[in-house]
């Protein structure tokens, strides 16, 4: 039994935060992938921003992100410019369809 809000309850009734995955890709034009772009995740209960880089297939991924939280995902790459480089979202399930598209090449 677990004490929860002043009541003893079986452990299986205590809710826990689920983790989800946030992923996507960074492109230039319609299909050209950008490897090595820095993608940053901020918000939620994170004490500090998390960063990752796109792989050779243009993909990025953040695992074990707490569901039910508000996050900001942003991208930067010194060789490319983005008119929209930030996305705000609240996640409840895995998000796999984020696309950042560079608008110009420096």
Protein backbone atom coordinates (compact mmCIF):
# COMPACT_ATOMS: atom_id res chain seq x y z
CA UNK A 1 0.00 0.00 0.00
CA UNK A 2 1.07 3.54 -0.77
CA UNK A 3 -0.05 6.69 1.04
CA UNK A 4 -1.45 9.01 -1.65
CA UNK A 5 -3.30 12.25 -0.82
CA UNK A 6 -3.95 11.00 2.69
CA UNK A 7 -5.35 7.62 1.58
CA UNK A 8 -3.74 4.21 1.42
CA UNK A 9 -4.01 2.87 -2.10
CA UNK A 10 -2.58 -0.11 -3.96
CA UNK A 11 0.57 0.87 -5.87
CA UNK A 12 -1.05 0.26 -9.27
CA UNK A 13 -3.52 3.12 -8.70
CA UNK A 14 -0.83 5.74 -8.21
CA UNK A 15 -0.33 7.65 -11.44
CA UNK A 16 3.15 8.14 -12.82
CA UNK A 17 4.35 10.38 -15.59
CA UNK A 18 4.87 8.56 -18.87
CA UNK A 19 7.77 9.35 -21.10
CA UNK A 20 7.43 10.02 -24.81
CA UNK A 21 9.74 10.61 -27.76
CA UNK A 22 10.03 13.81 -29.81
CA UNK A 23 11.62 13.38 -33.22
CA UNK A 24 11.74 14.81 -36.70
CA UNK A 25 14.02 16.01 -39.45
CA UNK A 26 15.81 19.10 -40.72
CA UNK A 27 15.67 19.84 -44.46
CA UNK A 28 16.80 22.36 -47.05
CA UNK A 29 14.35 22.63 -49.90
CA UNK A 30 11.92 19.77 -50.34
CA UNK A 31 14.13 16.76 -49.67
CA UNK A 32 17.77 17.67 -49.04
CA UNK A 33 18.64 16.70 -45.48
CA UNK A 34 20.86 18.79 -43.24
CA UNK A 35 23.23 16.68 -41.14
CA UNK A 36 24.84 18.19 -38.06
CA UNK A 37 22.12 20.75 -37.28
CA UNK A 38 21.76 21.47 -33.57
CA UNK A 39 18.26 20.85 -32.19
CA UNK A 40 17.40 22.07 -28.67
CA UNK A 41 14.57 21.01 -26.34
CA UNK A 42 13.52 23.37 -23.52
CA UNK A 43 10.66 23.53 -21.05
CA UNK A 44 8.67 20.96 -19.17
CA UNK A 45 10.42 19.91 -15.99
CA UNK A 46 13.86 20.07 -17.60
CA UNK A 47 16.38 21.80 -15.34
CA UNK A 48 18.50 22.66 -18.40
CA UNK A 49 17.96 22.53 -22.17
CA UNK A 50 18.74 19.25 -23.94
CA UNK A 51 20.51 19.31 -27.29
CA UNK A 52 21.12 16.82 -30.03
CA UNK A 53 22.39 16.93 -33.61
CA UNK A 54 20.79 15.62 -36.75
CA UNK A 55 22.36 12.43 -38.03
CA UNK A 56 23.52 11.71 -41.58
CA UNK A 57 19.92 10.86 -42.50
CA UNK A 58 18.76 14.37 -41.32
CA UNK A 59 16.86 12.98 -38.31
CA UNK A 60 16.88 14.07 -34.67
CA UNK A 61 15.35 12.49 -31.59
CA UNK A 62 14.79 13.21 -27.90
CA UNK A 63 13.88 10.17 -25.82
CA UNK A 64 12.40 9.96 -22.32
CA UNK A 65 10.59 13.29 -22.47
CA UNK A 66 7.93 13.65 -19.78
CA UNK A 67 4.41 13.60 -21.24
CA UNK A 68 1.85 16.28 -20.43
CA UNK A 69 4.40 19.10 -20.46
CA UNK A 70 4.91 22.19 -22.63
CA UNK A 71 8.16 22.26 -24.63
CA UNK A 72 9.96 24.47 -27.12
CA UNK A 73 12.00 22.78 -29.86
CA UNK A 74 14.42 24.92 -31.86
CA UNK A 75 17.03 24.38 -34.57
CA UNK A 76 20.14 26.13 -35.79
CA UNK A 77 22.87 25.40 -38.30
CA UNK A 78 25.57 27.90 -39.23
CA UNK A 79 25.40 27.17 -42.97
CA UNK A 80 21.59 27.56 -43.23
CA UNK A 81 18.96 30.08 -42.22
CA UNK A 82 15.47 29.33 -40.94
CA UNK A 83 12.53 31.74 -41.17
CA UNK A 84 10.82 29.58 -38.53
CA UNK A 85 13.33 27.85 -36.29
CA UNK A 86 11.14 27.32 -33.21
CA UNK A 87 8.16 25.10 -32.47
CA UNK A 88 6.06 25.12 -29.28
CA UNK A 89 4.05 22.07 -28.27
CA UNK A 90 2.49 20.17 -25.40
CA UNK A 91 3.17 16.45 -25.73
CA UNK A 92 0.91 13.62 -24.60
CA UNK A 93 2.14 10.93 -27.01
CA UNK A 94 5.18 10.39 -29.20
CA UNK A 95 5.70 13.15 -31.77
CA UNK A 96 7.52 11.95 -34.89
CA UNK A 97 6.59 14.40 -37.63
CA UNK A 98 8.44 17.62 -36.79
CA UNK A 99 10.05 19.17 -39.88
CA UNK A 100 12.29 22.22 -39.75
CA UNK A 101 12.93 23.56 -43.25
CA UNK A 102 15.84 25.90 -43.98
CA UNK A 103 14.87 28.81 -46.22
CA UNK A 104 18.31 29.93 -47.33
CA UNK A 105 21.91 28.87 -47.38
CA UNK A 106 24.55 31.21 -45.89
